[in-house]
PDB file of N, CA and C in Angstrom:
ATOM      1  N   MET A   1      -6.116  -6.071   5.484  1.00  0.00           N
ATOM      2  CA  MET A   1      -7.559  -6.103   5.385  1.00  0.00           C
ATOM      3  C   MET A   1      -8.175  -5.048   6.301  1.00  0.00           C
ATOM      4  N   ALA A   2      -7.641  -4.965   7.503  1.00  0.00           N
ATOM      5  CA  ALA A   2      -8.194  -4.003   8.462  1.00  0.00           C
ATOM      6  C   ALA A   2      -8.055  -2.572   7.949  1.00  0.00           C
ATOM      7  N   GLU A   3      -6.897  -2.258   7.364  1.00  0.00           N
ATOM      8  CA  GLU A   3      -6.682  -0.916   6.809  1.00  0.00           C
ATOM      9  C   GLU A   3      -7.697  -0.629   5.702  1.00  0.00           C
ATOM     10  N   ALA A   4      -7.900  -1.603   4.824  1.00  0.00           N
ATOM     11  CA  ALA A   4      -8.844  -1.436   3.709  1.00  0.00           C
ATOM     12  C   ALA A   4     -10.271  -1.281   4.229  1.00  0.00           C
ATOM     13  N   LEU A   5     -10.637  -2.067   5.222  1.00  0.00           N
ATOM     14  CA  LEU A   5     -11.984  -1.963   5.802  1.00  0.00           C
ATOM     15  C   LEU A   5     -12.196  -0.616   6.486  1.00  0.00           C
ATOM     16  N   ASN A   6     -11.179  -0.119   7.162  1.00  0.00           N
ATOM     17  CA  ASN A   6     -11.293   1.198   7.806  1.00  0.00           C
ATOM     18  C   ASN A   6     -11.565   2.299   6.784  1.00  0.00           C
ATOM     19  N   LYS A   7     -10.940   2.192   5.618  1.00  0.00           N
ATOM     20  CA  LYS A   7     -11.124   3.208   4.586  1.00  0.00           C
ATOM     21  C   LYS A   7     -12.559   3.262   4.054  1.00  0.00           C
ATOM     22  N   ILE A   8     -13.254   2.111   4.107  1.00  0.00           N
ATOM     23  CA  ILE A   8     -14.622   2.064   3.567  1.00  0.00           C
ATOM     24  C   ILE A   8     -15.655   1.888   4.676  1.00  0.00           C
ATOM     25  N   ASP A   9     -15.284   2.254   5.895  1.00  0.00           N
ATOM     26  CA  ASP A   9     -16.170   2.191   7.062  1.00  0.00           C
ATOM     27  C   ASP A   9     -16.768   0.802   7.284  1.00  0.00           C
ATOM     28  N   GLY A  10     -15.972  -0.238   7.024  1.00  0.00           N
ATOM     29  CA  GLY A  10     -16.392  -1.608   7.303  1.00  0.00           C
ATOM     30  C   GLY A  10     -17.435  -2.183   6.359  1.00  0.00           C
ATOM     31  N   LYS A  11     -17.668  -1.557   5.224  1.00  0.00           N
ATOM     32  CA  LYS A  11     -18.711  -2.003   4.290  1.00  0.00           C
ATOM     33  C   LYS A  11     -18.190  -3.119   3.376  1.00  0.00           C
ATOM     34  N   ALA A  12     -17.829  -4.255   3.960  1.00  0.00           N
ATOM     35  CA  ALA A  12     -17.271  -5.378   3.205  1.00  0.00           C
ATOM     36  C   ALA A  12     -18.309  -6.063   2.327  1.00  0.00           C
ATOM     37  N   GLU A  13     -19.586  -5.843   2.603  1.00  0.00           N
ATOM     38  CA  GLU A  13     -20.618  -6.474   1.781  1.00  0.00           C
ATOM     39  C   GLU A  13     -20.622  -5.922   0.352  1.00  0.00           C
ATOM     40  N   ASN A  14     -20.087  -4.723   0.157  1.00  0.00           N
ATOM     41  CA  ASN A  14     -19.932  -4.168  -1.187  1.00  0.00           C
ATOM     42  C   ASN A  14     -18.602  -4.693  -1.729  1.00  0.00           C
ATOM     43  N   ARG A  15     -18.660  -5.844  -2.387  1.00  0.00           N
ATOM     44  CA  ARG A  15     -17.471  -6.571  -2.823  1.00  0.00           C
ATOM     45  C   ARG A  15     -16.549  -5.713  -3.692  1.00  0.00           C
ATOM     46  N   ASP A  16     -17.102  -5.040  -4.682  1.00  0.00           N
ATOM     47  CA  ASP A  16     -16.280  -4.241  -5.596  1.00  0.00           C
ATOM     48  C   ASP A  16     -15.565  -3.113  -4.865  1.00  0.00           C
ATOM     49  N   LEU A  17     -16.273  -2.446  -3.973  1.00  0.00           N
ATOM     50  CA  LEU A  17     -15.677  -1.369  -3.189  1.00  0.00           C
ATOM     51  C   LEU A  17     -14.572  -1.910  -2.282  1.00  0.00           C
ATOM     52  N   PHE A  18     -14.822  -3.058  -1.670  1.00  0.00           N
ATOM     53  CA  PHE A  18     -13.835  -3.668  -0.775  1.00  0.00           C
ATOM     54  C   PHE A  18     -12.563  -4.057  -1.535  1.00  0.00           C
ATOM     55  N   ILE A  19     -12.719  -4.715  -2.682  1.00  0.00           N
ATOM     56  CA  ILE A  19     -11.546  -5.123  -3.471  1.00  0.00           C
ATOM     57  C   ILE A  19     -10.770  -3.899  -3.935  1.00  0.00           C
ATOM     58  N   GLU A  20     -11.474  -2.881  -4.380  1.00  0.00           N
ATOM     59  CA  GLU A  20     -10.811  -1.646  -4.805  1.00  0.00           C
ATOM     60  C   GLU A  20     -10.035  -1.030  -3.643  1.00  0.00           C
ATOM     61  N   SER A  21     -10.618  -1.051  -2.461  1.00  0.00           N
ATOM     62  CA  SER A  21      -9.958  -0.502  -1.284  1.00  0.00           C
ATOM     63  C   SER A  21      -8.700  -1.304  -0.930  1.00  0.00           C
ATOM     64  N   VAL A  22      -8.779  -2.635  -1.006  1.00  0.00           N
ATOM     65  CA  VAL A  22      -7.617  -3.487  -0.728  1.00  0.00           C
ATOM     66  C   VAL A  22      -6.488  -3.173  -1.707  1.00  0.00           C
ATOM     67  N   LEU A  23      -6.826  -3.069  -2.989  1.00  0.00           N
ATOM     68  CA  LEU A  23      -5.804  -2.829  -4.006  1.00  0.00           C
ATOM     69  C   LEU A  23      -5.155  -1.453  -3.874  1.00  0.00           C
ATOM     70  N   LYS A  24      -5.868  -0.487  -3.310  1.00  0.00           N
ATOM     71  CA  LYS A  24      -5.328   0.867  -3.181  1.00  0.00           C
ATOM     72  C   LYS A  24      -4.686   1.142  -1.819  1.00  0.00           C
ATOM     73  N   THR A  25      -4.815   0.210  -0.885  1.00  0.00           N
ATOM     74  CA  THR A  25      -4.268   0.416   0.454  1.00  0.00           C
ATOM     75  C   THR A  25      -2.754   0.245   0.445  1.00  0.00           C
ATOM     76  N   GLU A  26      -2.072   1.167   1.076  1.00  0.00           N
ATOM     77  CA  GLU A  26      -0.621   1.100   1.216  1.00  0.00           C
ATOM     78  C   GLU A  26      -0.310   0.954   2.698  1.00  0.00           C
ATOM     79  N   LEU A  27       0.375  -0.116   3.049  1.00  0.00           N
ATOM     80  CA  LEU A  27       0.729  -0.358   4.446  1.00  0.00           C
ATOM     81  C   LEU A  27       2.081   0.269   4.736  1.00  0.00           C
ATOM     82  N   THR A  28       2.147   1.094   5.750  1.00  0.00           N
ATOM     83  CA  THR A  28       3.397   1.755   6.108  1.00  0.00           C
ATOM     84  C   THR A  28       3.764   1.417   7.540  1.00  0.00           C
ATOM     85  N   GLY A  29       5.034   1.595   7.838  1.00  0.00           N
ATOM     86  CA  GLY A  29       5.506   1.389   9.204  1.00  0.00           C
ATOM     87  C   GLY A  29       5.655  -0.069   9.601  1.00  0.00           C
ATOM     88  N   LEU A  30       5.697  -0.968   8.635  1.00  0.00           N
ATOM     89  CA  LEU A  30       5.916  -2.376   8.954  1.00  0.00           C
ATOM     90  C   LEU A  30       7.396  -2.575   9.235  1.00  0.00           C
ATOM     91  N   ALA A  31       7.717  -3.241  10.297  1.00  0.00           N
ATOM     92  CA  ALA A  31       9.103  -3.352  10.754  1.00  0.00           C
ATOM     93  C   ALA A  31      10.042  -3.922   9.688  1.00  0.00           C
ATOM     94  N   ALA A  32       9.723  -5.058   9.129  1.00  0.00           N
ATOM     95  CA  ALA A  32      10.661  -5.714   8.222  1.00  0.00           C
ATOM     96  C   ALA A  32      10.562  -5.211   6.787  1.00  0.00           C
ATOM     97  N   ARG A  33       9.397  -4.854   6.351  1.00  0.00           N
ATOM     98  CA  ARG A  33       9.193  -4.537   4.946  1.00  0.00           C
ATOM     99  C   ARG A  33       9.057  -3.040   4.655  1.00  0.00           C
ATOM    100  N   GLN A  34       8.991  -2.223   5.652  1.00  0.00           N
ATOM    101  CA  GLN A  34       8.772  -0.781   5.497  1.00  0.00           C
ATOM    102  C   GLN A  34       7.395  -0.514   4.906  1.00  0.00           C
ATOM    103  N   THR A  35       7.295  -0.220   3.607  1.00  0.00           N
ATOM    104  CA  THR A  35       6.021   0.071   2.976  1.00  0.00           C
ATOM    105  C   THR A  35       5.666  -1.041   1.998  1.00  0.00           C
ATOM    106  N   VAL A  36       4.412  -1.482   2.036  1.00  0.00           N
ATOM    107  CA  VAL A  36       3.937  -2.515   1.120  1.00  0.00           C
ATOM    108  C   VAL A  36       2.695  -1.997   0.420  1.00  0.00           C
ATOM    109  N   ARG A  37       2.666  -2.163  -0.895  1.00  0.00           N
ATOM    110  CA  ARG A  37       1.468  -1.841  -1.666  1.00  0.00           C
ATOM    111  C   ARG A  37       1.294  -2.918  -2.719  1.00  0.00           C
ATOM    112  N   LEU A  38       0.170  -2.908  -3.408  1.00  0.00           N
ATOM    113  CA  LEU A  38      -0.110  -3.928  -4.413  1.00  0.00           C
ATOM    114  C   LEU A  38      -0.040  -3.333  -5.811  1.00  0.00           C
ATOM    115  N   ASP A  39       0.421  -4.156  -6.770  1.00  0.00           N
ATOM    116  CA  ASP A  39       0.426  -3.700  -8.156  1.00  0.00           C
ATOM    117  C   ASP A  39      -0.963  -3.908  -8.759  1.00  0.00           C
ATOM    118  N   ASP A  40      -1.106  -3.630 -10.036  1.00  0.00           N
ATOM    119  CA  ASP A  40      -2.411  -3.743 -10.698  1.00  0.00           C
ATOM    120  C   ASP A  40      -2.955  -5.167 -10.731  1.00  0.00           C
ATOM    121  N   TYR A  41      -2.102  -6.147 -10.431  1.00  0.00           N
ATOM    122  CA  TYR A  41      -2.506  -7.553 -10.464  1.00  0.00           C
ATOM    123  C   TYR A  41      -2.667  -8.146  -9.063  1.00  0.00           C
ATOM    124  N   GLY A  42      -2.537  -7.314  -8.040  1.00  0.00           N
ATOM    125  CA  GLY A  42      -2.705  -7.771  -6.672  1.00  0.00           C
ATOM    126  C   GLY A  42      -1.461  -8.367  -6.046  1.00  0.00           C
ATOM    127  N   ASN A  43      -0.313  -8.223  -6.709  1.00  0.00           N
ATOM    128  CA  ASN A  43       0.948  -8.741  -6.174  1.00  0.00           C
ATOM    129  C   ASN A  43       1.633  -7.666  -5.332  1.00  0.00           C
ATOM    130  N   PRO A  44       2.305  -8.065  -4.245  1.00  0.00           N
ATOM    131  CA  PRO A  44       2.938  -7.070  -3.377  1.00  0.00           C
ATOM    132  C   PRO A  44       4.167  -6.426  -4.008  1.00  0.00           C
ATOM    133  N   ILE A  45       4.359  -5.147  -3.703  1.00  0.00           N
ATOM    134  CA  ILE A  45       5.555  -4.403  -4.097  1.00  0.00           C
ATOM    135  C   ILE A  45       6.188  -3.922  -2.798  1.00  0.00           C
ATOM    136  N   TYR A  46       7.429  -4.321  -2.566  1.00  0.00           N
ATOM    137  CA  TYR A  46       8.108  -3.933  -1.335  1.00  0.00           C
ATOM    138  C   TYR A  46       9.614  -4.030  -1.518  1.00  0.00           C
ATOM    139  N   ASP A  47      10.352  -3.520  -0.557  1.00  0.00           N
ATOM    140  CA  ASP A  47      11.812  -3.586  -0.586  1.00  0.00           C
ATOM    141  C   ASP A  47      12.267  -4.993  -0.202  1.00  0.00           C
ATOM    142  N   VAL A  48      13.301  -5.463  -0.895  1.00  0.00           N
ATOM    143  CA  VAL A  48      13.887  -6.769  -0.599  1.00  0.00           C
ATOM    144  C   VAL A  48      15.330  -6.532  -0.168  1.00  0.00           C
ATOM    145  N   TYR A  49      15.738  -7.217   0.873  1.00  0.00           N
ATOM    146  CA  TYR A  49      17.093  -7.070   1.386  1.00  0.00           C
ATOM    147  C   TYR A  49      17.902  -8.313   1.068  1.00  0.00           C
ATOM    148  N   ILE A  50      19.070  -8.114   0.447  1.00  0.00           N
ATOM    149  CA  ILE A  50      20.001  -9.206   0.166  1.00  0.00           C
ATOM    150  C   ILE A  50      20.889  -9.331   1.405  1.00  0.00           C
ATOM    151  N   ARG A  51      20.994 -10.547   1.913  1.00  0.00           N
ATOM    152  CA  ARG A  51      21.764 -10.747   3.144  1.00  0.00           C
ATOM    153  C   ARG A  51      22.894 -11.738   2.919  1.00  0.00           C
ATOM    154  N   GLN A  52      23.889 -11.607   3.739  1.00  0.00           N
ATOM    155  CA  GLN A  52      25.028 -12.514   3.711  1.00  0.00           C
ATOM    156  C   GLN A  52      25.196 -13.085   5.122  1.00  0.00           C
ATOM    157  N   VAL A  53      25.480 -14.375   5.198  1.00  0.00           N
ATOM    158  CA  VAL A  53      25.694 -14.998   6.507  1.00  0.00           C
ATOM    159  C   VAL A  53      27.135 -14.730   6.922  1.00  0.00           C
ATOM    160  N   ARG A  54      27.289 -14.135   8.114  1.00  0.00           N
ATOM    161  CA  ARG A  54      28.618 -13.816   8.645  1.00  0.00           C
ATOM    162  C   ARG A  54      28.700 -14.254  10.103  1.00  0.00           C
ATOM    163  N   LYS A  55      29.912 -14.522  10.535  1.00  0.00           N
ATOM    164  CA  LYS A  55      30.149 -14.886  11.924  1.00  0.00           C
ATOM    165  C   LYS A  55      30.364 -13.609  12.731  1.00  0.00           C
ATOM    166  N   ASN A  56      29.673 -13.498  13.872  1.00  0.00           N
ATOM    167  CA  ASN A  56      29.875 -12.312  14.699  1.00  0.00           C
ATOM    168  C   ASN A  56      31.004 -12.545  15.702  1.00  0.00           C
ATOM    169  N   LYS A  57      31.211 -11.603  16.600  1.00  0.00           N
ATOM    170  CA  LYS A  57      32.317 -11.693  17.565  1.00  0.00           C
ATOM    171  C   LYS A  57      32.214 -12.916  18.473  1.00  0.00           C
ATOM    172  N   ASP A  58      30.970 -13.364  18.728  1.00  0.00           N
ATOM    173  CA  ASP A  58      30.755 -14.513  19.612  1.00  0.00           C
ATOM    174  C   ASP A  58      30.829 -15.840  18.873  1.00  0.00           C
ATOM    175  N   GLY A  59      31.120 -15.805  17.580  1.00  0.00           N
ATOM    176  CA  GLY A  59      31.202 -17.030  16.797  1.00  0.00           C
ATOM    177  C   GLY A  59      29.856 -17.514  16.270  1.00  0.00           C
ATOM    178  N   GLN A  60      28.805 -16.756  16.502  1.00  0.00           N
ATOM    179  CA  GLN A  60      27.474 -17.093  16.000  1.00  0.00           C
ATOM    180  C   GLN A  60      27.312 -16.569  14.579  1.00  0.00           C
ATOM    181  N   TYR A  61      26.546 -17.308  13.788  1.00  0.00           N
ATOM    182  CA  TYR A  61      26.277 -16.865  12.425  1.00  0.00           C
ATOM    183  C   TYR A  61      25.016 -16.004  12.389  1.00  0.00           C
ATOM    184  N   TRP A  62      25.084 -14.904  11.646  1.00  0.00           N
ATOM    185  CA  TRP A  62      23.978 -13.964  11.527  1.00  0.00           C
ATOM    186  C   TRP A  62      23.786 -13.577  10.076  1.00  0.00           C
ATOM    187  N   ASN A  63      22.556 -13.253   9.729  1.00  0.00           N
ATOM    188  CA  ASN A  63      22.265 -12.694   8.413  1.00  0.00           C
ATOM    189  C   ASN A  63      22.507 -11.195   8.489  1.00  0.00           C
ATOM    190  N   VAL A  64      23.409 -10.699   7.661  1.00  0.00           N
ATOM    191  CA  VAL A  64      23.753  -9.287   7.651  1.00  0.00           C
ATOM    192  C   VAL A  64      23.306  -8.683   6.319  1.00  0.00           C
ATOM    193  N   PRO A  65      22.434  -7.665   6.352  1.00  0.00           N
ATOM    194  CA  PRO A  65      22.012  -7.035   5.097  1.00  0.00           C
ATOM    195  C   PRO A  65      23.199  -6.398   4.381  1.00  0.00           C
ATOM    196  N   ILE A  66      23.330  -6.684   3.085  1.00  0.00           N
ATOM    197  CA  ILE A  66      24.432  -6.097   2.308  1.00  0.00           C
ATOM    198  C   ILE A  66      23.922  -5.253   1.134  1.00  0.00           C
ATOM    199  N   ALA A  67      22.642  -5.390   0.802  1.00  0.00           N
ATOM    200  CA  ALA A  67      22.066  -4.590  -0.286  1.00  0.00           C
ATOM    201  C   ALA A  67      20.556  -4.515  -0.111  1.00  0.00           C
ATOM    202  N   ARG A  68      19.986  -3.466  -0.677  1.00  0.00           N
ATOM    203  CA  ARG A  68      18.535  -3.273  -0.625  1.00  0.00           C
ATOM    204  C   ARG A  68      18.030  -3.012  -2.038  1.00  0.00           C
ATOM    205  N   LEU A  69      17.021  -3.784  -2.462  1.00  0.00           N
ATOM    206  CA  LEU A  69      16.390  -3.590  -3.755  1.00  0.00           C
ATOM    207  C   LEU A  69      15.055  -2.912  -3.490  1.00  0.00           C
ATOM    208  N   SER A  70      14.918  -1.673  -3.929  1.00  0.00           N
ATOM    209  CA  SER A  70      13.714  -0.900  -3.635  1.00  0.00           C
ATOM    210  C   SER A  70      12.565  -1.266  -4.560  1.00  0.00           C
ATOM    211  N   GLU A  71      11.375  -1.359  -3.960  1.00  0.00           N
ATOM    212  CA  GLU A  71      10.124  -1.600  -4.665  1.00  0.00           C
ATOM    213  C   GLU A  71      10.200  -2.740  -5.682  1.00  0.00           C
ATOM    214  N   CYS A  72      10.557  -3.905  -5.214  1.00  0.00           N
ATOM    215  CA  CYS A  72      10.617  -5.083  -6.084  1.00  0.00           C
ATOM    216  C   CYS A  72       9.214  -5.498  -6.491  1.00  0.00           C
ATOM    217  N   VAL A  73       9.086  -5.915  -7.729  1.00  0.00           N
ATOM    218  CA  VAL A  73       7.801  -6.376  -8.245  1.00  0.00           C
ATOM    219  C   VAL A  73       7.928  -7.814  -8.706  1.00  0.00           C
ATOM    220  N   THR A  74       6.812  -8.507  -8.751  1.00  0.00           N
ATOM    221  CA  THR A  74       6.796  -9.923  -9.095  1.00  0.00           C
ATOM    222  C   THR A  74       7.324 -10.195 -10.496  1.00  0.00           C
ATOM    223  N   VAL A  75       7.031  -9.335 -11.446  1.00  0.00           N
ATOM    224  CA  VAL A  75       7.380  -9.607 -12.841  1.00  0.00           C
ATOM    225  C   VAL A  75       8.789  -9.155 -13.220  1.00  0.00           C
ATOM    226  N   LEU A  76       9.499  -8.526 -12.306  1.00  0.00           N
ATOM    227  CA  LEU A  76      10.864  -8.042 -12.536  1.00  0.00           C
ATOM    228  C   LEU A  76      10.934  -7.202 -13.798  1.00  0.00           C
ATOM    229  N   GLU A  77      11.796  -7.594 -14.753  1.00  0.00           N
ATOM    230  CA  GLU A  77      11.987  -6.763 -15.949  1.00  0.00           C
ATOM    231  C   GLU A  77      11.026  -7.092 -17.085  1.00  0.00           C
ATOM    232  N   TYR A  78      10.135  -8.047 -16.891  1.00  0.00           N
ATOM    233  CA  TYR A  78       9.213  -8.457 -17.951  1.00  0.00           C
ATOM    234  C   TYR A  78       8.038  -7.493 -18.095  1.00  0.00           C
ATOM    235  N   ASP A  79       7.450  -7.481 -19.290  1.00  0.00           N
ATOM    236  CA  ASP A  79       6.227  -6.728 -19.521  1.00  0.00           C
ATOM    237  C   ASP A  79       5.116  -7.400 -18.715  1.00  0.00           C
ATOM    238  N   PRO A  80       4.440  -6.681 -17.817  1.00  0.00           N
ATOM    239  CA  PRO A  80       3.425  -7.305 -16.953  1.00  0.00           C
ATOM    240  C   PRO A  80       2.295  -7.990 -17.720  1.00  0.00           C
ATOM    241  N   VAL A  81       1.848  -7.417 -18.828  1.00  0.00           N
ATOM    242  CA  VAL A  81       0.756  -8.016 -19.598  1.00  0.00           C
ATOM    243  C   VAL A  81       1.197  -9.357 -20.182  1.00  0.00           C
ATOM    244  N   ALA A  82       2.382  -9.407 -20.770  1.00  0.00           N
ATOM    245  CA  ALA A  82       2.905 -10.659 -21.338  1.00  0.00           C
ATOM    246  C   ALA A  82       3.154 -11.685 -20.236  1.00  0.00           C
ATOM    247  N   TYR A  83       3.677 -11.221 -19.115  1.00  0.00           N
ATOM    248  CA  TYR A  83       3.984 -12.117 -18.001  1.00  0.00           C
ATOM    249  C   TYR A  83       2.724 -12.791 -17.461  1.00  0.00           C
ATOM    250  N   MET A  84       1.654 -12.022 -17.312  1.00  0.00           N
ATOM    251  CA  MET A  84       0.416 -12.571 -16.759  1.00  0.00           C
ATOM    252  C   MET A  84      -0.304 -13.502 -17.732  1.00  0.00           C
ATOM    253  N   LYS A  85       0.005 -13.435 -19.018  1.00  0.00           N
ATOM    254  CA  LYS A  85      -0.617 -14.317 -20.012  1.00  0.00           C
ATOM    255  C   LYS A  85       0.045 -15.694 -20.066  1.00  0.00           C
ATOM    256  N   GLN A  86       1.242 -15.814 -19.510  1.00  0.00           N
ATOM    257  CA  GLN A  86       1.955 -17.085 -19.579  1.00  0.00           C
ATOM    258  C   GLN A  86       1.293 -18.145 -18.702  1.00  0.00           C
ATOM    259  N   PRO A  87       1.523 -19.437 -19.015  1.00  0.00           N
ATOM    260  CA  PRO A  87       0.983 -20.496 -18.162  1.00  0.00           C
ATOM    261  C   PRO A  87       1.690 -20.520 -16.812  1.00  0.00           C
ATOM    262  N   PRO A  88       1.114 -21.201 -15.826  1.00  0.00           N
ATOM    263  CA  PRO A  88       1.766 -21.295 -14.516  1.00  0.00           C
ATOM    264  C   PRO A  88       3.120 -22.001 -14.620  1.00  0.00           C
ATOM    265  N   TYR A  89       4.046 -21.589 -13.791  1.00  0.00           N
ATOM    266  CA  TYR A  89       5.365 -22.221 -13.736  1.00  0.00           C
ATOM    267  C   TYR A  89       5.196 -23.683 -13.333  1.00  0.00           C
ATOM    268  N   SER A  90       5.835 -24.576 -14.063  1.00  0.00           N
ATOM    269  CA  SER A  90       5.700 -26.010 -13.788  1.00  0.00           C
ATOM    270  C   SER A  90       6.921 -26.760 -14.309  1.00  0.00           C
ATOM    271  N   ARG A  91       6.873 -28.074 -14.222  1.00  0.00           N
ATOM    272  CA  ARG A  91       7.964 -28.902 -14.717  1.00  0.00           C
ATOM    273  C   ARG A  91       8.123 -28.745 -16.236  1.00  0.00           C
ATOM    274  N   THR A  92       7.001 -28.553 -16.929  1.00  0.00           N
ATOM    275  CA  THR A  92       7.054 -28.430 -18.389  1.00  0.00           C
ATOM    276  C   THR A  92       7.158 -26.990 -18.866  1.00  0.00           C
ATOM    277  N   PHE A  93       6.879 -26.023 -18.014  1.00  0.00           N
ATOM    278  CA  PHE A  93       7.026 -24.617 -18.378  1.00  0.00           C
ATOM    279  C   PHE A  93       7.918 -23.937 -17.358  1.00  0.00           C
ATOM    280  N   GLN A  94       9.092 -23.504 -17.795  1.00  0.00           N
ATOM    281  CA  GLN A  94      10.094 -22.956 -16.898  1.00  0.00           C
ATOM    282  C   GLN A  94      10.209 -21.442 -16.968  1.00  0.00           C
ATOM    283  N   GLY A  95       9.219 -20.781 -17.526  1.00  0.00           N
ATOM    284  CA  GLY A  95       9.217 -19.321 -17.551  1.00  0.00           C
ATOM    285  C   GLY A  95       9.456 -18.739 -18.929  1.00  0.00           C
ATOM    286  N   ILE A  96       9.054 -17.478 -19.089  1.00  0.00           N
ATOM    287  CA  ILE A  96       9.227 -16.811 -20.376  1.00  0.00           C
ATOM    288  C   ILE A  96      10.658 -16.339 -20.550  1.00  0.00           C
ATOM    289  N   LYS A  97      11.042 -16.165 -21.767  1.00  0.00           N
ATOM    290  CA  LYS A  97      12.381 -15.657 -22.080  1.00  0.00           C
ATOM    291  C   LYS A  97      12.332 -14.149 -22.189  1.00  0.00           C
ATOM    292  N   ALA A  98      13.324 -13.494 -21.657  1.00  0.00           N
ATOM    293  CA  ALA A  98      13.367 -12.022 -21.687  1.00  0.00           C
ATOM    294  C   ALA A  98      13.616 -11.506 -23.082  1.00  0.00           C
TER     295      ALA A  98
END
């Protein structure tokens, strides 16, 4: 929010300008996530790390990164327009078929 407000000189009262600024803001230099930006639907796009629990030399268990998925999106391999039209995930709706 602070980054988006800085871009528009703090003019949060202009709702449309503020929302547009939030959607276009790209956060960089975040320790765990590196770069975060939003897709056209306001969902975050960022790198995801797959980790494996391993025992270290001291016998303690640690999460060790074993793979990195770059720029993961909420809809994965689905068409975003079709995905956003589906009902919310629930007990009676378990997701669309690919």
